[in-house]
PDB file of N, CA and C in Angstrom:
ATOM      1  N   MET A   1     -55.907 -59.289  61.808  1.00  0.00           N
ATOM      2  CA  MET A   1     -54.750 -58.682  62.094  1.00  0.00           C
ATOM      3  C   MET A   1     -52.763 -59.456  61.941  1.00  0.00           C
ATOM      4  N   HIS A   2     -52.365 -58.854  61.584  1.00  0.00           N
ATOM      5  CA  HIS A   2     -51.057 -59.966  60.584  1.00  0.00           C
ATOM      6  C   HIS A   2     -50.115 -59.223  62.263  1.00  0.00           C
ATOM      7  N   GLN A   3     -49.070 -60.969  62.605  1.00  0.00           N
ATOM      8  CA  GLN A   3     -48.262 -60.838  64.143  1.00  0.00           C
ATOM      9  C   GLN A   3     -47.379 -59.502  63.578  1.00  0.00           C
ATOM     10  N   LYS A   4     -46.996 -59.198  62.843  1.00  0.00           N
ATOM     11  CA  LYS A   4     -45.772 -57.777  62.343  1.00  0.00           C
ATOM     12  C   LYS A   4     -46.426 -57.099  62.960  1.00  0.00           C
ATOM     13  N   ASP A   5     -48.240 -56.176  62.378  1.00  0.00           N
ATOM     14  CA  ASP A   5     -48.959 -55.267  62.877  1.00  0.00           C
ATOM     15  C   ASP A   5     -49.058 -55.145  64.664  1.00  0.00           C
ATOM     16  N   LEU A   6     -49.284 -56.192  65.159  1.00  0.00           N
ATOM     17  CA  LEU A   6     -49.383 -56.481  66.697  1.00  0.00           C
ATOM     18  C   LEU A   6     -48.012 -56.055  67.025  1.00  0.00           C
ATOM     19  N   ARG A   7     -46.976 -57.242  66.615  1.00  0.00           N
ATOM     20  CA  ARG A   7     -45.767 -56.538  66.776  1.00  0.00           C
ATOM     21  C   ARG A   7     -45.776 -54.716  66.538  1.00  0.00           C
ATOM     22  N   VAL A   8     -45.440 -53.825  65.814  1.00  0.00           N
ATOM     23  CA  VAL A   8     -45.404 -52.965  65.781  1.00  0.00           C
ATOM     24  C   VAL A   8     -45.625 -51.923  66.679  1.00  0.00           C
ATOM     25  N   ARG A   9     -47.453 -53.039  66.590  1.00  0.00           N
ATOM     26  CA  ARG A   9     -48.260 -51.503  67.597  1.00  0.00           C
ATOM     27  C   ARG A   9     -47.572 -51.655  69.627  1.00  0.00           C
ATOM     28  N   ARG A  10     -47.283 -53.077  69.337  1.00  0.00           N
ATOM     29  CA  ARG A  10     -46.903 -53.271  71.122  1.00  0.00           C
ATOM     30  C   ARG A  10     -45.319 -52.268  71.279  1.00  0.00           C
ATOM     31  N   ILE A  11     -44.778 -51.991  69.977  1.00  0.00           N
ATOM     32  CA  ILE A  11     -43.530 -51.554  69.983  1.00  0.00           C
ATOM     33  C   ILE A  11     -43.645 -49.782  70.707  1.00  0.00           C
ATOM     34  N   ARG A  12     -44.418 -49.584  69.351  1.00  0.00           N
ATOM     35  CA  ARG A  12     -45.382 -48.385  69.202  1.00  0.00           C
ATOM     36  C   ARG A  12     -45.087 -48.198  71.039  1.00  0.00           C
ATOM     37  N   ALA A  13     -45.902 -48.553  71.434  1.00  0.00           N
ATOM     38  CA  ALA A  13     -46.472 -48.590  73.002  1.00  0.00           C
ATOM     39  C   ALA A  13     -46.021 -48.891  73.836  1.00  0.00           C
ATOM     40  N   LYS A  14     -44.812 -49.303  73.526  1.00  0.00           N
ATOM     41  CA  LYS A  14     -43.572 -49.547  75.006  1.00  0.00           C
ATOM     42  C   LYS A  14     -42.763 -48.104  74.699  1.00  0.00           C
ATOM     43  N   ILE A  15     -42.570 -47.724  73.087  1.00  0.00           N
ATOM     44  CA  ILE A  15     -41.806 -46.212  73.408  1.00  0.00           C
ATOM     45  C   ILE A  15     -42.655 -45.137  73.710  1.00  0.00           C
ATOM     46  N   LYS A  16     -43.916 -45.297  73.677  1.00  0.00           N
ATOM     47  CA  LYS A  16     -44.281 -44.335  74.241  1.00  0.00           C
ATOM     48  C   LYS A  16     -45.033 -43.482  75.863  1.00  0.00           C
ATOM     49  N   ARG A  17     -45.457 -45.277  76.325  1.00  0.00           N
ATOM     50  CA  ARG A  17     -45.370 -45.464  77.514  1.00  0.00           C
ATOM     51  C   ARG A  17     -43.895 -44.227  78.155  1.00  0.00           C
ATOM     52  N   ALA A  18     -42.316 -45.177  77.628  1.00  0.00           N
ATOM     53  CA  ALA A  18     -41.433 -44.434  77.950  1.00  0.00           C
ATOM     54  C   ALA A  18     -40.848 -43.257  77.829  1.00  0.00           C
ATOM     55  N   LEU A  19     -42.024 -42.842  76.592  1.00  0.00           N
ATOM     56  CA  LEU A  19     -41.356 -41.511  76.844  1.00  0.00           C
ATOM     57  C   LEU A  19     -41.793 -40.554  77.895  1.00  0.00           C
ATOM     58  N   ILE A  20     -43.192 -40.646  77.941  1.00  0.00           N
ATOM     59  CA  ILE A  20     -44.034 -40.121  79.140  1.00  0.00           C
ATOM     60  C   ILE A  20     -44.073 -40.184  80.359  1.00  0.00           C
ATOM     61  N   ASP A  21     -43.074 -41.687  80.827  1.00  0.00           N
ATOM     62  CA  ASP A  21     -42.411 -41.871  81.983  1.00  0.00           C
ATOM     63  C   ASP A  21     -40.839 -40.873  82.434  1.00  0.00           C
ATOM     64  N   THR A  22     -40.508 -41.154  81.284  1.00  0.00           N
ATOM     65  CA  THR A  22     -38.893 -40.109  81.256  1.00  0.00           C
ATOM     66  C   THR A  22     -39.365 -38.403  81.060  1.00  0.00           C
ATOM     67  N   ILE A  23     -40.398 -38.417  80.605  1.00  0.00           N
ATOM     68  CA  ILE A  23     -40.679 -36.847  81.123  1.00  0.00           C
ATOM     69  C   ILE A  23     -41.261 -36.447  82.173  1.00  0.00           C
ATOM     70  N   ASN A  24     -40.967 -37.710  82.521  1.00  0.00           N
ATOM     71  CA  ASN A  24     -42.349 -37.015  84.650  1.00  0.00           C
ATOM     72  C   ASN A  24     -41.030 -37.000  84.916  1.00  0.00           C
ATOM     73  N   GLU A  25     -39.641 -37.985  85.022  1.00  0.00           N
ATOM     74  CA  GLU A  25     -38.988 -37.298  85.707  1.00  0.00           C
ATOM     75  C   GLU A  25     -37.592 -36.599  85.284  1.00  0.00           C
ATOM     76  N   LYS A  26     -37.211 -36.713  84.315  1.00  0.00           N
ATOM     77  CA  LYS A  26     -36.259 -34.904  83.219  1.00  0.00           C
ATOM     78  C   LYS A  26     -37.484 -34.102  83.156  1.00  0.00           C
ATOM     79  N   GLY A  27     -38.045 -34.407  82.235  1.00  0.00           N
ATOM     80  CA  GLY A  27     -38.671 -33.227  81.507  1.00  0.00           C
ATOM     81  C   GLY A  27     -38.464 -33.170  80.161  1.00  0.00           C
ATOM     82  N   PHE A  28     -38.556 -33.065  78.972  1.00  0.00           N
ATOM     83  CA  PHE A  28     -38.669 -32.568  77.861  1.00  0.00           C
ATOM     84  C   PHE A  28     -36.860 -33.054  77.113  1.00  0.00           C
ATOM     85  N   GLY A  29     -36.813 -31.619  77.880  1.00  0.00           N
ATOM     86  CA  GLY A  29     -35.278 -31.252  77.100  1.00  0.00           C
ATOM     87  C   GLY A  29     -34.761 -31.806  77.225  1.00  0.00           C
ATOM     88  N   ASN A  30     -34.354 -32.308  78.594  1.00  0.00           N
ATOM     89  CA  ASN A  30     -33.059 -33.115  79.387  1.00  0.00           C
ATOM     90  C   ASN A  30     -33.003 -35.414  78.716  1.00  0.00           C
ATOM     91  N   LEU A  31     -34.420 -35.329  78.317  1.00  0.00           N
ATOM     92  CA  LEU A  31     -34.356 -36.644  77.958  1.00  0.00           C
ATOM     93  C   LEU A  31     -33.696 -36.723  76.309  1.00  0.00           C
ATOM     94  N   THR A  32     -33.638 -37.866  76.213  1.00  0.00           N
ATOM     95  CA  THR A  32     -32.732 -38.237  75.138  1.00  0.00           C
ATOM     96  C   THR A  32     -33.322 -39.852  74.938  1.00  0.00           C
ATOM     97  N   VAL A  33     -33.025 -39.591  73.572  1.00  0.00           N
ATOM     98  CA  VAL A  33     -33.288 -41.443  72.767  1.00  0.00           C
ATOM     99  C   VAL A  33     -33.215 -42.337  73.696  1.00  0.00           C
ATOM    100  N   SER A  34     -31.628 -42.018  73.547  1.00  0.00           N
ATOM    101  CA  SER A  34     -31.326 -42.942  74.894  1.00  0.00           C
ATOM    102  C   SER A  34     -32.004 -43.501  76.085  1.00  0.00           C
ATOM    103  N   ASP A  35     -32.849 -42.656  77.056  1.00  0.00           N
ATOM    104  CA  ASP A  35     -32.967 -43.008  77.537  1.00  0.00           C
ATOM    105  C   ASP A  35     -34.780 -43.461  77.525  1.00  0.00           C
ATOM    106  N   ILE A  36     -34.892 -43.467  76.599  1.00  0.00           N
ATOM    107  CA  ILE A  36     -36.231 -43.476  76.123  1.00  0.00           C
ATOM    108  C   ILE A  36     -35.703 -44.612  75.522  1.00  0.00           C
ATOM    109  N   THR A  37     -35.134 -45.432  75.231  1.00  0.00           N
ATOM    110  CA  THR A  37     -34.937 -46.318  74.574  1.00  0.00           C
ATOM    111  C   THR A  37     -34.994 -47.650  75.682  1.00  0.00           C
ATOM    112  N   GLU A  38     -33.801 -47.316  76.393  1.00  0.00           N
ATOM    113  CA  GLU A  38     -33.477 -47.701  77.957  1.00  0.00           C
ATOM    114  C   GLU A  38     -34.679 -48.186  78.690  1.00  0.00           C
ATOM    115  N   ARG A  39     -35.283 -47.702  79.099  1.00  0.00           N
ATOM    116  CA  ARG A  39     -36.348 -47.817  79.274  1.00  0.00           C
ATOM    117  C   ARG A  39     -37.473 -48.734  78.439  1.00  0.00           C
ATOM    118  N   ALA A  40     -37.588 -48.598  77.475  1.00  0.00           N
ATOM    119  CA  ALA A  40     -38.366 -48.910  76.416  1.00  0.00           C
ATOM    120  C   ALA A  40     -38.410 -51.065  76.362  1.00  0.00           C
ATOM    121  N   GLY A  41     -37.010 -50.905  76.301  1.00  0.00           N
ATOM    122  CA  GLY A  41     -36.236 -51.838  76.297  1.00  0.00           C
ATOM    123  C   GLY A  41     -36.470 -52.545  75.486  1.00  0.00           C
ATOM    124  N   ILE A  42     -35.816 -50.991  74.199  1.00  0.00           N
ATOM    125  CA  ILE A  42     -35.465 -51.992  73.159  1.00  0.00           C
ATOM    126  C   ILE A  42     -33.945 -51.163  72.050  1.00  0.00           C
ATOM    127  N   ASN A  43     -33.673 -51.144  71.588  1.00  0.00           N
ATOM    128  CA  ASN A  43     -32.302 -50.380  71.036  1.00  0.00           C
ATOM    129  C   ASN A  43     -32.136 -49.507  69.945  1.00  0.00           C
ATOM    130  N   ARG A  44     -31.604 -48.389  69.514  1.00  0.00           N
ATOM    131  CA  ARG A  44     -32.070 -47.322  69.100  1.00  0.00           C
ATOM    132  C   ARG A  44     -32.045 -47.386  67.856  1.00  0.00           C
ATOM    133  N   GLY A  45     -31.968 -48.492  66.971  1.00  0.00           N
ATOM    134  CA  GLY A  45     -32.159 -48.844  65.911  1.00  0.00           C
ATOM    135  C   GLY A  45     -33.560 -48.925  65.644  1.00  0.00           C
ATOM    136  N   THR A  46     -34.553 -50.029  66.659  1.00  0.00           N
ATOM    137  CA  THR A  46     -36.124 -50.439  66.536  1.00  0.00           C
ATOM    138  C   THR A  46     -36.412 -48.956  66.759  1.00  0.00           C
ATOM    139  N   PHE A  47     -36.356 -47.531  67.375  1.00  0.00           N
ATOM    140  CA  PHE A  47     -36.646 -46.479  67.790  1.00  0.00           C
ATOM    141  C   PHE A  47     -36.720 -45.909  66.628  1.00  0.00           C
ATOM    142  N   TYR A  48     -35.770 -45.726  66.195  1.00  0.00           N
ATOM    143  CA  TYR A  48     -35.244 -45.006  64.729  1.00  0.00           C
ATOM    144  C   TYR A  48     -35.493 -45.802  63.147  1.00  0.00           C
ATOM    145  N   ILE A  49     -36.351 -46.963  64.138  1.00  0.00           N
ATOM    146  CA  ILE A  49     -37.260 -47.767  62.321  1.00  0.00           C
ATOM    147  C   ILE A  49     -38.513 -46.305  62.740  1.00  0.00           C
ATOM    148  N   HIS A  50     -38.818 -46.630  63.577  1.00  0.00           N
ATOM    149  CA  HIS A  50     -40.232 -45.870  63.415  1.00  0.00           C
ATOM    150  C   HIS A  50     -40.551 -44.302  64.028  1.00  0.00           C
ATOM    151  N   TYR A  51     -39.196 -43.527  64.029  1.00  0.00           N
ATOM    152  CA  TYR A  51     -39.464 -42.178  64.149  1.00  0.00           C
ATOM    153  C   TYR A  51     -38.261 -41.443  64.203  1.00  0.00           C
ATOM    154  N   LYS A  52     -38.175 -40.345  63.486  1.00  0.00           N
ATOM    155  CA  LYS A  52     -37.192 -39.202  63.813  1.00  0.00           C
ATOM    156  C   LYS A  52     -36.275 -38.908  64.783  1.00  0.00           C
ATOM    157  N   GLY A  53     -36.647 -39.458  66.017  1.00  0.00           N
ATOM    158  CA  GLY A  53     -36.446 -38.567  66.977  1.00  0.00           C
ATOM    159  C   GLY A  53     -37.258 -38.083  68.180  1.00  0.00           C
ATOM    160  N   LYS A  54     -37.080 -37.560  69.540  1.00  0.00           N
ATOM    161  CA  LYS A  54     -37.716 -38.008  69.862  1.00  0.00           C
ATOM    162  C   LYS A  54     -38.551 -36.288  70.020  1.00  0.00           C
ATOM    163  N   GLN A  55     -38.734 -35.347  69.048  1.00  0.00           N
ATOM    164  CA  GLN A  55     -39.796 -34.533  68.418  1.00  0.00           C
ATOM    165  C   GLN A  55     -40.624 -35.315  67.783  1.00  0.00           C
ATOM    166  N   ASP A  56     -40.578 -36.112  66.844  1.00  0.00           N
ATOM    167  CA  ASP A  56     -41.341 -36.610  66.002  1.00  0.00           C
ATOM    168  C   ASP A  56     -42.010 -37.647  67.062  1.00  0.00           C
ATOM    169  N   LEU A  57     -41.270 -38.138  67.343  1.00  0.00           N
ATOM    170  CA  LEU A  57     -42.574 -38.824  68.738  1.00  0.00           C
ATOM    171  C   LEU A  57     -43.245 -38.194  69.450  1.00  0.00           C
ATOM    172  N   LEU A  58     -43.189 -37.072  69.679  1.00  0.00           N
ATOM    173  CA  LEU A  58     -43.922 -36.385  70.985  1.00  0.00           C
ATOM    174  C   LEU A  58     -44.804 -35.816  69.895  1.00  0.00           C
ATOM    175  N   ASN A  59     -44.727 -35.323  68.355  1.00  0.00           N
ATOM    176  CA  ASN A  59     -45.778 -34.824  67.586  1.00  0.00           C
ATOM    177  C   ASN A  59     -46.195 -35.881  67.667  1.00  0.00           C
ATOM    178  N   GLN A  60     -45.508 -37.318  67.380  1.00  0.00           N
ATOM    179  CA  GLN A  60     -47.013 -37.877  66.785  1.00  0.00           C
ATOM    180  C   GLN A  60     -47.561 -38.845  67.691  1.00  0.00           C
ATOM    181  N   LEU A  61     -47.111 -38.158  69.270  1.00  0.00           N
ATOM    182  CA  LEU A  61     -47.813 -39.124  70.407  1.00  0.00           C
ATOM    183  C   LEU A  61     -49.947 -37.899  70.244  1.00  0.00           C
ATOM    184  N   GLU A  62     -49.069 -36.482  70.527  1.00  0.00           N
ATOM    185  CA  GLU A  62     -49.831 -34.780  70.525  1.00  0.00           C
ATOM    186  C   GLU A  62     -50.872 -35.873  68.912  1.00  0.00           C
ATOM    187  N   GLU A  63     -50.399 -35.610  68.091  1.00  0.00           N
ATOM    188  CA  GLU A  63     -51.534 -35.856  67.118  1.00  0.00           C
ATOM    189  C   GLU A  63     -52.334 -37.235  67.843  1.00  0.00           C
ATOM    190  N   ASN A  64     -52.403 -38.008  68.252  1.00  0.00           N
ATOM    191  CA  ASN A  64     -52.676 -39.433  68.369  1.00  0.00           C
ATOM    192  C   ASN A  64     -54.445 -38.659  69.632  1.00  0.00           C
ATOM    193  N   VAL A  65     -53.908 -38.371  70.432  1.00  0.00           N
ATOM    194  CA  VAL A  65     -54.469 -37.162  71.321  1.00  0.00           C
ATOM    195  C   VAL A  65     -55.461 -36.726  70.817  1.00  0.00           C
ATOM    196  N   TYR A  66     -55.526 -35.557  69.619  1.00  0.00           N
ATOM    197  CA  TYR A  66     -56.260 -34.580  69.217  1.00  0.00           C
ATOM    198  C   TYR A  66     -56.675 -35.621  68.268  1.00  0.00           C
ATOM    199  N   ALA A  67     -56.462 -36.344  67.900  1.00  0.00           N
ATOM    200  CA  ALA A  67     -56.945 -37.782  67.122  1.00  0.00           C
ATOM    201  C   ALA A  67     -58.220 -38.007  67.864  1.00  0.00           C
ATOM    202  N   ASP A  68     -58.107 -38.721  69.232  1.00  0.00           N
ATOM    203  CA  ASP A  68     -58.879 -39.786  69.822  1.00  0.00           C
ATOM    204  C   ASP A  68     -59.941 -38.881  70.347  1.00  0.00           C
ATOM    205  N   ILE A  69     -59.515 -37.260  70.800  1.00  0.00           N
ATOM    206  CA  ILE A  69     -60.474 -36.575  71.231  1.00  0.00           C
ATOM    207  C   ILE A  69     -61.199 -35.701  70.142  1.00  0.00           C
ATOM    208  N   ILE A  70     -60.728 -35.775  68.832  1.00  0.00           N
ATOM    209  CA  ILE A  70     -61.997 -35.211  67.820  1.00  0.00           C
ATOM    210  C   ILE A  70     -63.197 -36.756  67.904  1.00  0.00           C
ATOM    211  N   LYS A  71     -62.497 -37.943  67.613  1.00  0.00           N
ATOM    212  CA  LYS A  71     -63.508 -38.700  67.394  1.00  0.00           C
ATOM    213  C   LYS A  71     -64.639 -38.689  68.799  1.00  0.00           C
ATOM    214  N   LEU A  72     -64.527 -38.687  69.668  1.00  0.00           N
ATOM    215  CA  LEU A  72     -64.728 -39.216  71.197  1.00  0.00           C
ATOM    216  C   LEU A  72     -65.947 -37.760  71.227  1.00  0.00           C
ATOM    217  N   PHE A  73     -65.657 -36.613  69.589  1.00  0.00           N
ATOM    218  CA  PHE A  73     -65.939 -35.206  69.425  1.00  0.00           C
ATOM    219  C   PHE A  73     -67.442 -36.224  68.781  1.00  0.00           C
ATOM    220  N   HIS A  74     -66.762 -36.249  68.139  1.00  0.00           N
ATOM    221  CA  HIS A  74     -68.238 -36.861  66.499  1.00  0.00           C
ATOM    222  C   HIS A  74     -68.647 -37.598  67.340  1.00  0.00           C
ATOM    223  N   GLU A  75     -68.179 -38.729  68.059  1.00  0.00           N
ATOM    224  CA  GLU A  75     -69.081 -40.154  68.665  1.00  0.00           C
ATOM    225  C   GLU A  75     -70.483 -39.389  69.521  1.00  0.00           C
ATOM    226  N   ASN A  76     -69.977 -38.417  70.415  1.00  0.00           N
ATOM    227  CA  ASN A  76     -71.117 -37.459  71.240  1.00  0.00           C
ATOM    228  C   ASN A  76     -71.905 -36.668  70.456  1.00  0.00           C
ATOM    229  N   GLY A  77     -71.682 -35.891  68.944  1.00  0.00           N
ATOM    230  CA  GLY A  77     -72.362 -35.253  68.552  1.00  0.00           C
ATOM    231  C   GLY A  77     -71.543 -33.637  69.387  1.00  0.00           C
ATOM    232  N   THR A  78     -71.091 -33.688  69.664  1.00  0.00           N
ATOM    233  CA  THR A  78     -70.108 -32.219  70.200  1.00  0.00           C
ATOM    234  C   THR A  78     -70.061 -31.576  69.039  1.00  0.00           C
ATOM    235  N   ILE A  79     -69.121 -32.444  69.000  1.00  0.00           N
ATOM    236  CA  ILE A  79     -68.438 -31.830  66.973  1.00  0.00           C
ATOM    237  C   ILE A  79     -69.313 -32.618  65.289  1.00  0.00           C
ATOM    238  N   SER A  80     -70.077 -31.388  64.699  1.00  0.00           N
ATOM    239  CA  SER A  80     -70.864 -32.336  63.787  1.00  0.00           C
ATOM    240  C   SER A  80     -69.677 -31.346  62.551  1.00  0.00           C
ATOM    241  N   SER A  81     -69.223 -30.566  62.123  1.00  0.00           N
ATOM    242  CA  SER A  81     -67.681 -30.763  61.449  1.00  0.00           C
ATOM    243  C   SER A  81     -66.888 -30.902  61.499  1.00  0.00           C
ATOM    244  N   ALA A  82     -66.198 -31.284  59.909  1.00  0.00           N
ATOM    245  CA  ALA A  82     -64.616 -31.961  60.187  1.00  0.00           C
ATOM    246  C   ALA A  82     -63.739 -31.211  60.460  1.00  0.00           C
ATOM    247  N   THR A  83     -63.427 -31.046  61.798  1.00  0.00           N
ATOM    248  CA  THR A  83     -62.864 -30.464  62.470  1.00  0.00           C
ATOM    249  C   THR A  83     -61.759 -31.481  62.904  1.00  0.00           C
ATOM    250  N   SER A  84     -60.206 -30.836  62.525  1.00  0.00           N
ATOM    251  CA  SER A  84     -58.495 -31.993  62.587  1.00  0.00           C
ATOM    252  C   SER A  84     -57.511 -31.855  63.389  1.00  0.00           C
ATOM    253  N   TYR A  85     -56.677 -32.326  63.334  1.00  0.00           N
ATOM    254  CA  TYR A  85     -55.761 -31.941  64.298  1.00  0.00           C
ATOM    255  C   TYR A  85     -55.158 -30.493  64.358  1.00  0.00           C
ATOM    256  N   GLU A  86     -55.638 -29.962  63.004  1.00  0.00           N
ATOM    257  CA  GLU A  86     -54.755 -28.623  62.173  1.00  0.00           C
ATOM    258  C   GLU A  86     -56.178 -27.283  63.139  1.00  0.00           C
ATOM    259  N   ASP A  87     -57.354 -27.675  63.122  1.00  0.00           N
ATOM    260  CA  ASP A  87     -58.114 -26.605  62.970  1.00  0.00           C
ATOM    261  C   ASP A  87     -57.443 -26.729  64.312  1.00  0.00           C
ATOM    262  N   LEU A  88     -58.096 -27.594  65.196  1.00  0.00           N
ATOM    263  CA  LEU A  88     -57.533 -27.714  66.693  1.00  0.00           C
ATOM    264  C   LEU A  88     -56.210 -26.675  66.899  1.00  0.00           C
ATOM    265  N   ASN A  89     -55.615 -26.724  66.536  1.00  0.00           N
ATOM    266  CA  ASN A  89     -54.123 -26.396  66.805  1.00  0.00           C
ATOM    267  C   ASN A  89     -54.190 -25.131  66.631  1.00  0.00           C
ATOM    268  N   GLU A  90     -54.833 -24.235  66.207  1.00  0.00           N
ATOM    269  CA  GLU A  90     -54.519 -22.460  65.553  1.00  0.00           C
ATOM    270  C   GLU A  90     -54.705 -22.114  66.364  1.00  0.00           C
TER     271      GLU A  90
END
């Protein structure tokens, strides 16, 4: 794995953790990108390299959670068809 890939994964993990923590304190509607970046210890430019805004971040986080759930179901044999994020979202 490249150093850059690891750095990107770490930055994204910090941003996601900051989002979750800030939502718990302020609620999604009241938080700003500045709140997220301050908590994550990054600048706004770094945030916008990875995400278009707070809604994009939330959407990607949601998609990752669904993908992880589907993967677990497949591994356990609970789902045998090609269930996707879109299927669960309907």
